[in-house]
């Protein structure tokens, strides 16, 4: 195999990620030429509606998967947080890159920190997860929907449409955009728990191709794979989609893995938060175990009500 084709979204961040993987593959397999198949996904085209109303984050991956299934690409590079837990037949999610900094970051042109925001300040976010955690700590704030690519969101902030916005730190850092914001505050993970798969890249391949699998596995990080597997198992078991405010994060310290998860209402109420720790040698079903604990404590009822609240007509700015 002398050439492989990577399917990627055409956004600036997605292209950074695809070129990063392209470089790593070409370094490890100098005999292989890597080309990009750049695709504008539905999730990137529809920017006037909350993401949950256009099918959720699966719209960031479906077109890439279609290209692979049609024979127009050998693998796809995804932000793992955007990859649904269901993978279509004929494709496999086989490799996860080393996880980077998972923090969310507070950005403002006026206020130095989240704590400095006055009552009633307008905060922009695309995420029900962030909305839930933000309002659980600052119910006095007004959370407003924020769509568009990273540059569009930053422009809206600079125009004064928001007093502050919250984004993932990793994307801004990769695109070298943090330097242009007067006030930034990286939020600690115990204050803003990340989503499933945050700050890792997922490599999805066409099944039954041993060479492509070998190439994809060359960028895999075993600890990140273990952590994100637990996160994805949890999300899959409780059936949480983009309409559900869910935070889910696994970490490894020494020989122990800890999975912490939070669900609740978009308005920051009815929070259910649990964690579980296991030795790495005994963590095969960690995500399933925690999901069962939370289901027994009422997680499904919370998620059902959260979805109803998220889709109320009187809450058009629910993300």
C-alpha atoms as a PDB file:
ATOM      1  CA  UNK A   1       0.000   0.000   0.000  1.00  0.00           C
ATOM      2  CA  UNK A   2       1.648   3.196  -1.230  1.00  0.00           C
ATOM      3  CA  UNK A   3      -1.167   5.683  -0.608  1.00  0.00           C
ATOM      4  CA  UNK A   4      -3.885   6.142   1.977  1.00  0.00           C
ATOM      5  CA  UNK A   5      -6.664   8.718   2.114  1.00  0.00           C
ATOM      6  CA  UNK A   6      -7.804  10.385   5.336  1.00  0.00           C
ATOM      7  CA  UNK A   7     -11.353  11.699   5.535  1.00  0.00           C
ATOM      8  CA  UNK A   8     -11.597  14.893   7.573  1.00  0.00           C
ATOM      9  CA  UNK A   9     -13.938  17.765   8.218  1.00  0.00           C
ATOM     10  CA  UNK A  10     -12.830  20.978   6.508  1.00  0.00           C
ATOM     11  CA  UNK A  11     -12.835  23.211   9.593  1.00  0.00           C
ATOM     12  CA  UNK A  12      -9.545  24.754  10.722  1.00  0.00           C
ATOM     13  CA  UNK A  13      -9.335  22.586  13.836  1.00  0.00           C
ATOM     14  CA  UNK A  14     -10.254  19.369  12.012  1.00  0.00           C
ATOM     15  CA  UNK A  15      -7.615  20.085   9.375  1.00  0.00           C
ATOM     16  CA  UNK A  16      -5.001  20.717  12.073  1.00  0.00           C
ATOM     17  CA  UNK A  17      -5.856  17.320  13.527  1.00  0.00           C
ATOM     18  CA  UNK A  18      -5.805  15.544  10.164  1.00  0.00           C
ATOM     19  CA  UNK A  19      -2.459  17.074   9.160  1.00  0.00           C
ATOM     20  CA  UNK A  20      -1.086  16.104  12.582  1.00  0.00           C
ATOM     21  CA  UNK A  21      -2.027  12.454  12.003  1.00  0.00           C
ATOM     22  CA  UNK A  22      -0.810  12.659   8.397  1.00  0.00           C
ATOM     23  CA  UNK A  23       2.605  13.774   9.626  1.00  0.00           C
ATOM     24  CA  UNK A  24       2.816  11.036  12.227  1.00  0.00           C
ATOM     25  CA  UNK A  25       1.872   8.342   9.717  1.00  0.00           C
ATOM     26  CA  UNK A  26       4.354   9.549   7.107  1.00  0.00           C
ATOM     27  CA  UNK A  27       7.068   9.643   9.765  1.00  0.00           C
ATOM     28  CA  UNK A  28       6.400   6.050  10.831  1.00  0.00           C
ATOM     29  CA  UNK A  29       5.677   4.750   7.317  1.00  0.00           C
ATOM     30  CA  UNK A  30       7.884   6.744   4.913  1.00  0.00           C
ATOM     31  CA  UNK A  31       6.861   4.513   2.023  1.00  0.00           C
ATOM     32  CA  UNK A  32       3.228   5.654   2.368  1.00  0.00           C
ATOM     33  CA  UNK A  33       1.826   8.846   0.852  1.00  0.00           C
ATOM     34  CA  UNK A  34      -1.099  10.350   2.757  1.00  0.00           C
ATOM     35  CA  UNK A  35      -3.794  12.475   1.124  1.00  0.00           C
ATOM     36  CA  UNK A  36      -6.756  14.286   2.696  1.00  0.00           C
ATOM     37  CA  UNK A  37     -10.382  14.060   1.592  1.00  0.00           C
ATOM     38  CA  UNK A  38     -11.830  17.300   2.983  1.00  0.00           C
ATOM     39  CA  UNK A  39     -15.549  17.273   3.689  1.00  0.00           C
ATOM     40  CA  UNK A  40     -17.885  20.008   4.917  1.00  0.00           C
ATOM     41  CA  UNK A  41     -20.155  18.150   7.330  1.00  0.00           C
ATOM     42  CA  UNK A  42     -23.808  18.935   7.966  1.00  0.00           C
ATOM     43  CA  UNK A  43     -22.877  19.955  11.491  1.00  0.00           C
ATOM     44  CA  UNK A  44     -20.582  22.615  10.018  1.00  0.00           C
ATOM     45  CA  UNK A  45     -23.184  23.863   7.507  1.00  0.00           C
ATOM     46  CA  UNK A  46     -26.179  24.420   9.807  1.00  0.00           C
ATOM     47  CA  UNK A  47     -25.181  27.154  12.205  1.00  0.00           C
ATOM     48  CA  UNK A  48     -28.534  28.779  12.975  1.00  0.00           C
ATOM     49  CA  UNK A  49     -29.903  25.980  15.169  1.00  0.00           C
ATOM     50  CA  UNK A  50     -28.744  24.307  18.386  1.00  0.00           C
ATOM     51  CA  UNK A  51     -26.644  21.244  17.615  1.00  0.00           C
ATOM     52  CA  UNK A  52     -29.078  18.894  19.361  1.00  0.00           C
ATOM     53  CA  UNK A  53     -31.827  19.918  16.917  1.00  0.00           C
ATOM     54  CA  UNK A  54     -29.866  18.968  13.795  1.00  0.00           C
ATOM     55  CA  UNK A  55     -29.071  15.459  14.920  1.00  0.00           C
ATOM     56  CA  UNK A  56     -26.321  16.028  17.441  1.00  0.00           C
ATOM     57  CA  UNK A  57     -22.616  15.483  17.068  1.00  0.00           C
ATOM     58  CA  UNK A  58     -23.127  12.506  14.756  1.00  0.00           C
ATOM     59  CA  UNK A  59     -23.481  15.033  11.970  1.00  0.00           C
ATOM     60  CA  UNK A  60     -19.797  15.824  12.401  1.00  0.00           C
ATOM     61  CA  UNK A  61     -18.901  12.202  11.586  1.00  0.00           C
ATOM     62  CA  UNK A  62     -21.563  10.714   9.302  1.00  0.00           C
ATOM     63  CA  UNK A  63     -20.325  12.217   6.042  1.00  0.00           C
ATOM     64  CA  UNK A  64     -16.797  11.024   6.795  1.00  0.00           C
ATOM     65  CA  UNK A  65     -18.092   7.527   7.480  1.00  0.00           C
ATOM     66  CA  UNK A  66     -20.085   7.604   4.241  1.00  0.00           C
ATOM     67  CA  UNK A  67     -16.914   8.447   2.326  1.00  0.00           C
ATOM     68  CA  UNK A  68     -15.103   5.479   3.863  1.00  0.00           C
ATOM     69  CA  UNK A  69     -17.981   3.102   3.173  1.00  0.00           C
ATOM     70  CA  UNK A  70     -18.088   4.358  -0.436  1.00  0.00           C
ATOM     71  CA  UNK A  71     -14.393   3.544  -0.869  1.00  0.00           C
ATOM     72  CA  UNK A  72     -13.271   7.176  -1.042  1.00  0.00           C
ATOM     73  CA  UNK A  73     -11.183   7.116   2.150  1.00  0.00           C
ATOM     74  CA  UNK A  74      -9.276   4.531   4.187  1.00  0.00           C
ATOM     75  CA  UNK A  75      -9.573   6.149   7.594  1.00  0.00           C
ATOM     76  CA  UNK A  76     -11.047   9.189   9.293  1.00  0.00           C
ATOM     77  CA  UNK A  77      -9.656  11.468  11.974  1.00  0.00           C
ATOM     78  CA  UNK A  78     -12.272  12.663  14.469  1.00  0.00           C
ATOM     79  CA  UNK A  79     -12.370  14.691  17.629  1.00  0.00           C
ATOM     80  CA  UNK A  80     -13.294  11.718  19.781  1.00  0.00           C
ATOM     81  CA  UNK A  81     -15.909  13.707  21.709  1.00  0.00           C
ATOM     82  CA  UNK A  82     -17.864  14.014  18.438  1.00  0.00           C
ATOM     83  CA  UNK A  83     -17.931  10.268  17.703  1.00  0.00           C
ATOM     84  CA  UNK A  84     -21.219   8.535  18.630  1.00  0.00           C
ATOM     85  CA  UNK A  85     -20.930   5.295  20.568  1.00  0.00           C
ATOM     86  CA  UNK A  86     -22.550   3.462  17.647  1.00  0.00           C
ATOM     87  CA  UNK A  87     -20.114   2.685  14.815  1.00  0.00           C
ATOM     88  CA  UNK A  88     -21.625   1.615  11.456  1.00  0.00           C
ATOM     89  CA  UNK A  89     -21.061  -1.932  10.209  1.00  0.00           C
ATOM     90  CA  UNK A  90     -17.945  -2.086   8.055  1.00  0.00           C
ATOM     91  CA  UNK A  91     -16.096   0.500  10.125  1.00  0.00           C
ATOM     92  CA  UNK A  92     -14.153   0.338  13.388  1.00  0.00           C
ATOM     93  CA  UNK A  93     -12.862   2.852  15.909  1.00  0.00           C
ATOM     94  CA  UNK A  94      -9.493   1.250  16.540  1.00  0.00           C
ATOM     95  CA  UNK A  95      -7.059   3.899  17.735  1.00  0.00           C
ATOM     96  CA  UNK A  96      -7.137   6.802  20.200  1.00  0.00           C
ATOM     97  CA  UNK A  97      -4.316   9.320  20.403  1.00  0.00           C
ATOM     98  CA  UNK A  98      -2.722  10.458  23.660  1.00  0.00           C
ATOM     99  CA  UNK A  99      -5.156  12.702  25.483  1.00  0.00           C
ATOM    100  CA  UNK A 100      -4.073  16.308  25.876  1.00  0.00           C
ATOM    101  CA  UNK A 101      -5.321  18.979  28.306  1.00  0.00           C
ATOM    102  CA  UNK A 102      -9.073  18.437  28.743  1.00  0.00           C
ATOM    103  CA  UNK A 103      -9.876  21.740  30.416  1.00  0.00           C
ATOM    104  CA  UNK A 104     -12.572  24.140  29.376  1.00  0.00           C
ATOM    105  CA  UNK A 105     -11.514  27.773  29.345  1.00  0.00           C
ATOM    106  CA  UNK A 106     -13.352  30.964  30.296  1.00  0.00           C
ATOM    107  CA  UNK A 107     -12.805  33.796  27.788  1.00  0.00           C
ATOM    108  CA  UNK A 108     -13.774  37.450  28.117  1.00  0.00           C
ATOM    109  CA  UNK A 109     -12.861  40.900  26.889  1.00  0.00           C
ATOM    110  CA  UNK A 110     -14.205  42.517  30.070  1.00  0.00           C
ATOM    111  CA  UNK A 111     -14.035  40.197  33.081  1.00  0.00           C
ATOM    112  CA  UNK A 112     -10.978  38.466  34.470  1.00  0.00           C
ATOM    113  CA  UNK A 113     -12.639  35.258  35.632  1.00  0.00           C
ATOM    114  CA  UNK A 114     -15.880  33.368  36.038  1.00  0.00           C
ATOM    115  CA  UNK A 115     -16.033  34.591  39.627  1.00  0.00           C
ATOM    116  CA  UNK A 116     -15.849  38.211  38.457  1.00  0.00           C
ATOM    117  CA  UNK A 117     -18.945  37.999  36.246  1.00  0.00           C
ATOM    118  CA  UNK A 118     -21.769  40.157  37.597  1.00  0.00           C
ATOM    119  CA  UNK A 119     -25.277  38.867  38.174  1.00  0.00           C
ATOM    120  CA  UNK A 120     -27.142  38.465  34.880  1.00  0.00           C
ATOM    121  CA  UNK A 121     -23.995  38.358  32.746  1.00  0.00           C
ATOM    122  CA  UNK A 122     -24.419  36.621  29.381  1.00  0.00           C
ATOM    123  CA  UNK A 123     -22.241  33.547  28.853  1.00  0.00           C
ATOM    124  CA  UNK A 124     -22.074  31.716  25.512  1.00  0.00           C
ATOM    125  CA  UNK A 125     -21.623  27.975  25.137  1.00  0.00           C
ATOM    126  CA  UNK A 126     -22.608  25.268  22.669  1.00  0.00           C
ATOM    127  CA  UNK A 127     -22.807  22.613  25.348  1.00  0.00           C
ATOM    128  CA  UNK A 128     -25.620  21.372  27.580  1.00  0.00           C
ATOM    129  CA  UNK A 129     -22.904  19.838  29.746  1.00  0.00           C
ATOM    130  CA  UNK A 130     -21.302  23.233  30.311  1.00  0.00           C
ATOM    131  CA  UNK A 131     -24.683  24.892  30.801  1.00  0.00           C
ATOM    132  CA  UNK A 132     -25.586  22.375  33.512  1.00  0.00           C
ATOM    133  CA  UNK A 133     -22.337  22.755  35.428  1.00  0.00           C
ATOM    134  CA  UNK A 134     -22.149  26.523  34.994  1.00  0.00           C
ATOM    135  CA  UNK A 135     -25.681  27.149  36.250  1.00  0.00           C
ATOM    136  CA  UNK A 136     -25.237  24.707  39.130  1.00  0.00           C
ATOM    137  CA  UNK A 137     -22.504  27.047  40.387  1.00  0.00           C
ATOM    138  CA  UNK A 138     -23.786  30.404  39.083  1.00  0.00           C
ATOM    139  CA  UNK A 139     -27.594  30.220  38.664  1.00  0.00           C
ATOM    140  CA  UNK A 140     -27.634  34.013  38.401  1.00  0.00           C
ATOM    141  CA  UNK A 141     -26.006  33.962  34.951  1.00  0.00           C
ATOM    142  CA  UNK A 142     -27.780  33.992  31.587  1.00  0.00           C
ATOM    143  CA  UNK A 143     -26.495  31.225  29.303  1.00  0.00           C
ATOM    144  CA  UNK A 144     -26.946  31.875  25.593  1.00  0.00           C
ATOM    145  CA  UNK A 145     -26.454  29.571  22.594  1.00  0.00           C
ATOM    146  CA  UNK A 146     -23.154  29.919  20.717  1.00  0.00           C
ATOM    147  CA  UNK A 147     -22.673  28.232  17.334  1.00  0.00           C
ATOM    148  CA  UNK A 148     -20.177  28.600  14.519  1.00  0.00           C
ATOM    149  CA  UNK A 149     -16.541  27.672  14.086  1.00  0.00           C
ATOM    150  CA  UNK A 150     -13.963  28.799  16.621  1.00  0.00           C
ATOM    151  CA  UNK A 151     -13.167  32.061  14.837  1.00  0.00           C
ATOM    152  CA  UNK A 152     -16.860  32.922  14.525  1.00  0.00           C
ATOM    153  CA  UNK A 153     -17.401  32.339  18.241  1.00  0.00           C
ATOM    154  CA  UNK A 154     -14.431  34.504  19.147  1.00  0.00           C
ATOM    155  CA  UNK A 155     -15.672  37.244  16.825  1.00  0.00           C
ATOM    156  CA  UNK A 156     -19.084  37.207  18.520  1.00  0.00           C
ATOM    157  CA  UNK A 157     -17.324  37.591  21.872  1.00  0.00           C
ATOM    158  CA  UNK A 158     -15.228  40.529  20.643  1.00  0.00           C
ATOM    159  CA  UNK A 159     -18.367  42.208  19.235  1.00  0.00           C
ATOM    160  CA  UNK A 160     -19.887  42.206  22.717  1.00  0.00           C
ATOM    161  CA  UNK A 161     -22.670  39.699  22.025  1.00  0.00           C
ATOM    162  CA  UNK A 162     -21.503  37.880  25.168  1.00  0.00           C
ATOM    163  CA  UNK A 163     -19.845  38.955  28.393  1.00  0.00           C
ATOM    164  CA  UNK A 164     -17.889  35.703  28.305  1.00  0.00           C
ATOM    165  CA  UNK A 165     -17.830  32.391  26.478  1.00  0.00           C
ATOM    166  CA  UNK A 166     -16.570  28.949  27.433  1.00  0.00           C
ATOM    167  CA  UNK A 167     -14.733  26.730  24.946  1.00  0.00           C
ATOM    168  CA  UNK A 168     -12.391  23.757  25.020  1.00  0.00           C
ATOM    169  CA  UNK A 169      -8.856  24.888  25.778  1.00  0.00           C
ATOM    170  CA  UNK A 170      -7.201  22.340  23.484  1.00  0.00           C
ATOM    171  CA  UNK A 171      -8.685  23.648  20.229  1.00  0.00           C
ATOM    172  CA  UNK A 172      -7.782  27.247  20.963  1.00  0.00           C
ATOM    173  CA  UNK A 173      -4.263  26.227  21.891  1.00  0.00           C
ATOM    174  CA  UNK A 174      -3.782  24.147  18.750  1.00  0.00           C
ATOM    175  CA  UNK A 175      -4.861  27.084  16.586  1.00  0.00           C
ATOM    176  CA  UNK A 176      -2.837  29.593  18.655  1.00  0.00           C
ATOM    177  CA  UNK A 177      -5.888  31.754  19.388  1.00  0.00           C
ATOM    178  CA  UNK A 178      -5.585  32.255  23.139  1.00  0.00           C
ATOM    179  CA  UNK A 179      -3.108  35.102  22.800  1.00  0.00           C
ATOM    180  CA  UNK A 180      -5.767  37.359  21.273  1.00  0.00           C
ATOM    181  CA  UNK A 181      -8.166  37.178  24.251  1.00  0.00           C
ATOM    182  CA  UNK A 182      -7.615  39.754  27.040  1.00  0.00           C
ATOM    183  CA  UNK A 183      -8.852  37.532  29.865  1.00  0.00           C
ATOM    184  CA  UNK A 184      -8.634  33.738  29.997  1.00  0.00           C
ATOM    185  CA  UNK A 185      -9.179  31.340  32.891  1.00  0.00           C
ATOM    186  CA  UNK A 186      -8.569  27.630  32.527  1.00  0.00           C
ATOM    187  CA  UNK A 187     -11.303  25.909  34.538  1.00  0.00           C
ATOM    188  CA  UNK A 188     -10.176  23.009  36.765  1.00  0.00           C
ATOM    189  CA  UNK A 189     -11.576  19.574  35.936  1.00  0.00           C
ATOM    190  CA  UNK A 190     -13.338  19.284  39.286  1.00  0.00           C
ATOM    191  CA  UNK A 191     -15.172  22.521  38.492  1.00  0.00           C
ATOM    192  CA  UNK A 192     -16.077  21.688  34.881  1.00  0.00           C
ATOM    193  CA  UNK A 193     -16.020  17.934  34.202  1.00  0.00           C
ATOM    194  CA  UNK A 194     -15.208  17.240  30.529  1.00  0.00           C
ATOM    195  CA  UNK A 195     -17.351  15.289  28.060  1.00  0.00           C
ATOM    196  CA  UNK A 196     -16.703  11.768  26.850  1.00  0.00           C
ATOM    197  CA  UNK A 197     -13.547  11.669  24.711  1.00  0.00           C
ATOM    198  CA  UNK A 198     -12.438  15.254  25.296  1.00  0.00           C
ATOM    199  CA  UNK A 199      -8.957  16.222  23.989  1.00  0.00           C
ATOM    200  CA  UNK A 200      -8.247  12.935  22.193  1.00  0.00           C
ATOM    201  CA  UNK A 201      -8.438  12.036  18.522  1.00  0.00           C
ATOM    202  CA  UNK A 202     -10.240   8.911  17.349  1.00  0.00           C
ATOM    203  CA  UNK A 203      -9.049   7.037  14.275  1.00  0.00           C
ATOM    204  CA  UNK A 204     -11.849   5.183  12.507  1.00  0.00           C
ATOM    205  CA  UNK A 205     -10.946   2.735   9.744  1.00  0.00           C
ATOM    206  CA  UNK A 206     -12.524   0.516   7.140  1.00  0.00           C
ATOM    207  CA  UNK A 207     -12.750  -2.972   8.623  1.00  0.00           C
ATOM    208  CA  UNK A 208     -10.781  -5.995   7.404  1.00  0.00           C
ATOM    209  CA  UNK A 209      -7.766  -4.066   6.165  1.00  0.00           C
ATOM    210  CA  UNK A 210      -4.749  -5.276   8.102  1.00  0.00           C
ATOM    211  CA  UNK A 211      -2.361  -2.620   6.767  1.00  0.00           C
ATOM    212  CA  UNK A 212      -4.703   0.269   7.580  1.00  0.00           C
ATOM    213  CA  UNK A 213      -5.182  -1.177  11.042  1.00  0.00           C
ATOM    214  CA  UNK A 214      -1.400  -1.343  11.547  1.00  0.00           C
ATOM    215  CA  UNK A 215      -1.037   2.259  10.417  1.00  0.00           C
ATOM    216  CA  UNK A 216      -3.858   3.463  12.662  1.00  0.00           C
ATOM    217  CA  UNK A 217      -2.514   1.584  15.674  1.00  0.00           C
ATOM    218  CA  UNK A 218       0.827   3.357  15.324  1.00  0.00           C
ATOM    219  CA  UNK A 219      -0.759   6.486  16.874  1.00  0.00           C
ATOM    220  CA  UNK A 220      -2.716   4.682  19.615  1.00  0.00           C
ATOM    221  CA  UNK A 221      -2.127   5.453  23.305  1.00  0.00           C
ATOM    222  CA  UNK A 222      -3.137   2.524  25.514  1.00  0.00           C
ATOM    223  CA  UNK A 223      -4.016   4.502  28.663  1.00  0.00           C
ATOM    224  CA  UNK A 224      -6.141   6.964  26.718  1.00  0.00           C
ATOM    225  CA  UNK A 225      -7.833   4.058  24.957  1.00  0.00           C
ATOM    226  CA  UNK A 226      -8.697   2.463  28.322  1.00  0.00           C
ATOM    227  CA  UNK A 227     -10.058   5.731  29.744  1.00  0.00           C
ATOM    228  CA  UNK A 228     -12.153   6.652  26.737  1.00  0.00           C
ATOM    229  CA  UNK A 229     -13.477   3.109  26.422  1.00  0.00           C
ATOM    230  CA  UNK A 230     -14.902   3.413  29.950  1.00  0.00           C
ATOM    231  CA  UNK A 231     -16.403   6.808  29.106  1.00  0.00           C
ATOM    232  CA  UNK A 232     -17.987   5.571  25.896  1.00  0.00           C
ATOM    233  CA  UNK A 233     -19.379   2.471  27.597  1.00  0.00           C
ATOM    234  CA  UNK A 234     -21.039   4.649  30.217  1.00  0.00           C
ATOM    235  CA  UNK A 235     -22.609   6.960  27.634  1.00  0.00           C
ATOM    236  CA  UNK A 236     -23.752   4.026  25.511  1.00  0.00           C
ATOM    237  CA  UNK A 237     -25.382   2.243  28.446  1.00  0.00           C
ATOM    238  CA  UNK A 238     -27.400   5.228  29.658  1.00  0.00           C
ATOM    239  CA  UNK A 239     -28.241   6.209  26.085  1.00  0.00           C
ATOM    240  CA  UNK A 240     -27.232   9.843  26.476  1.00  0.00           C
ATOM    241  CA  UNK A 241     -27.242  11.933  23.329  1.00  0.00           C
ATOM    242  CA  UNK A 242     -26.705  15.623  22.616  1.00  0.00           C
ATOM    243  CA  UNK A 243     -30.029  16.507  24.230  1.00  0.00           C
ATOM    244  CA  UNK A 244     -28.719  15.269  27.594  1.00  0.00           C
ATOM    245  CA  UNK A 245     -26.457  17.285  29.911  1.00  0.00           C
ATOM    246  CA  UNK A 246     -23.814  14.679  30.743  1.00  0.00           C
ATOM    247  CA  UNK A 247     -20.205  15.006  31.913  1.00  0.00           C
ATOM    248  CA  UNK A 248     -18.040  11.884  31.873  1.00  0.00           C
ATOM    249  CA  UNK A 249     -14.307  11.625  32.505  1.00  0.00           C
ATOM    250  CA  UNK A 250     -11.846   8.859  33.341  1.00  0.00           C
ATOM    251  CA  UNK A 251      -8.321   9.385  34.624  1.00  0.00           C
ATOM    252  CA  UNK A 252      -5.442   7.066  35.503  1.00  0.00           C
ATOM    253  CA  UNK A 253      -3.158   7.613  38.490  1.00  0.00           C
ATOM    254  CA  UNK A 254      -0.475   5.008  39.079  1.00  0.00           C
ATOM    255  CA  UNK A 255      -2.310   1.672  38.699  1.00  0.00           C
ATOM    256  CA  UNK A 256      -5.791   3.036  39.435  1.00  0.00           C
ATOM    257  CA  UNK A 257      -8.433   4.321  37.042  1.00  0.00           C
ATOM    258  CA  UNK A 258     -11.220   6.618  38.261  1.00  0.00           C
ATOM    259  CA  UNK A 259     -14.371   7.349  36.290  1.00  0.00           C
ATOM    260  CA  UNK A 260     -16.530  10.281  37.372  1.00  0.00           C
ATOM    261  CA  UNK A 261     -19.823  11.184  35.744  1.00  0.00           C
ATOM    262  CA  UNK A 262     -22.475  13.844  36.230  1.00  0.00           C
ATOM    263  CA  UNK A 263     -25.958  14.236  34.802  1.00  0.00           C
ATOM    264  CA  UNK A 264     -28.662  16.768  35.554  1.00  0.00           C
ATOM    265  CA  UNK A 265     -31.040  19.319  34.120  1.00  0.00           C
ATOM    266  CA  UNK A 266     -29.830  22.027  31.709  1.00  0.00           C
ATOM    267  CA  UNK A 267     -30.704  24.664  34.315  1.00  0.00           C
ATOM    268  CA  UNK A 268     -28.163  23.213  36.748  1.00  0.00           C
ATOM    269  CA  UNK A 269     -30.666  21.506  39.057  1.00  0.00           C
ATOM    270  CA  UNK A 270     -31.313  17.826  39.854  1.00  0.00           C
ATOM    271  CA  UNK A 271     -27.630  16.967  39.658  1.00  0.00           C
ATOM    272  CA  UNK A 272     -26.566  13.342  40.087  1.00  0.00           C
ATOM    273  CA  UNK A 273     -22.811  12.838  40.358  1.00  0.00           C
ATOM    274  CA  UNK A 274     -20.948   9.608  41.072  1.00  0.00           C
ATOM    275  CA  UNK A 275     -17.443   8.167  40.684  1.00  0.00           C
ATOM    276  CA  UNK A 276     -15.890   4.721  40.796  1.00  0.00           C
ATOM    277  CA  UNK A 277     -12.253   3.595  41.008  1.00  0.00           C
ATOM    278  CA  UNK A 278     -10.688   0.286  40.054  1.00  0.00           C
ATOM    279  CA  UNK A 279      -7.276  -1.243  39.580  1.00  0.00           C
ATOM    280  CA  UNK A 280      -6.239  -1.206  35.933  1.00  0.00           C
ATOM    281  CA  UNK A 281      -6.144  -4.990  35.978  1.00  0.00           C
ATOM    282  CA  UNK A 282      -9.829  -5.089  36.937  1.00  0.00           C
ATOM    283  CA  UNK A 283     -11.431  -2.259  34.968  1.00  0.00           C
ATOM    284  CA  UNK A 284     -12.840  -4.053  31.922  1.00  0.00           C
ATOM    285  CA  UNK A 285     -16.451  -3.076  32.646  1.00  0.00           C
ATOM    286  CA  UNK A 286     -15.885   0.152  34.578  1.00  0.00           C
ATOM    287  CA  UNK A 287     -18.249   2.244  32.457  1.00  0.00           C
ATOM    288  CA  UNK A 288     -21.014  -0.336  32.671  1.00  0.00           C
ATOM    289  CA  UNK A 289     -20.627  -0.624  36.445  1.00  0.00           C
ATOM    290  CA  UNK A 290     -20.943   3.107  37.010  1.00  0.00           C
ATOM    291  CA  UNK A 291     -23.894   3.356  34.639  1.00  0.00           C
ATOM    292  CA  UNK A 292     -25.730   0.670  36.611  1.00  0.00           C
ATOM    293  CA  UNK A 293     -25.048   2.503  39.880  1.00  0.00           C
ATOM    294  CA  UNK A 294     -26.379   5.761  38.479  1.00  0.00           C
ATOM    295  CA  UNK A 295     -29.374   4.106  36.819  1.00  0.00           C
ATOM    296  CA  UNK A 296     -30.308   2.622  40.198  1.00  0.00           C
ATOM    297  CA  UNK A 297     -30.101   6.127  41.649  1.00  0.00           C
ATOM    298  CA  UNK A 298     -32.525   7.571  39.089  1.00  0.00           C
ATOM    299  CA  UNK A 299     -30.318   8.547  36.151  1.00  0.00           C
ATOM    300  CA  UNK A 300     -32.819   7.551  33.470  1.00  0.00           C
ATOM    301  CA  UNK A 301     -35.588   9.649  34.949  1.00  0.00           C
ATOM    302  CA  UNK A 302     -33.261  12.635  35.163  1.00  0.00           C
ATOM    303  CA  UNK A 303     -32.186  12.179  31.538  1.00  0.00           C
ATOM    304  CA  UNK A 304     -35.785  11.830  30.348  1.00  0.00           C
ATOM    305  CA  UNK A 305     -36.815  15.038  32.082  1.00  0.00           C
ATOM    306  CA  UNK A 306     -33.639  16.825  30.988  1.00  0.00           C
ATOM    307  CA  UNK A 307     -34.458  16.077  27.360  1.00  0.00           C
ATOM    308  CA  UNK A 308     -37.970  17.461  27.754  1.00  0.00           C
ATOM    309  CA  UNK A 309     -36.583  20.637  29.311  1.00  0.00           C
ATOM    310  CA  UNK A 310     -33.883  20.990  26.667  1.00  0.00           C
ATOM    311  CA  UNK A 311     -36.418  20.900  23.832  1.00  0.00           C
ATOM    312  CA  UNK A 312     -38.997  23.299  25.286  1.00  0.00           C
ATOM    313  CA  UNK A 313     -39.908  26.062  22.820  1.00  0.00           C
ATOM    314  CA  UNK A 314     -39.492  28.623  25.566  1.00  0.00           C
ATOM    315  CA  UNK A 315     -35.813  27.659  25.899  1.00  0.00           C
ATOM    316  CA  UNK A 316     -34.483  28.363  22.381  1.00  0.00           C
ATOM    317  CA  UNK A 317     -31.025  29.152  23.768  1.00  0.00           C
ATOM    318  CA  UNK A 318     -30.696  25.825  25.546  1.00  0.00           C
ATOM    319  CA  UNK A 319     -27.178  25.027  24.397  1.00  0.00           C
END
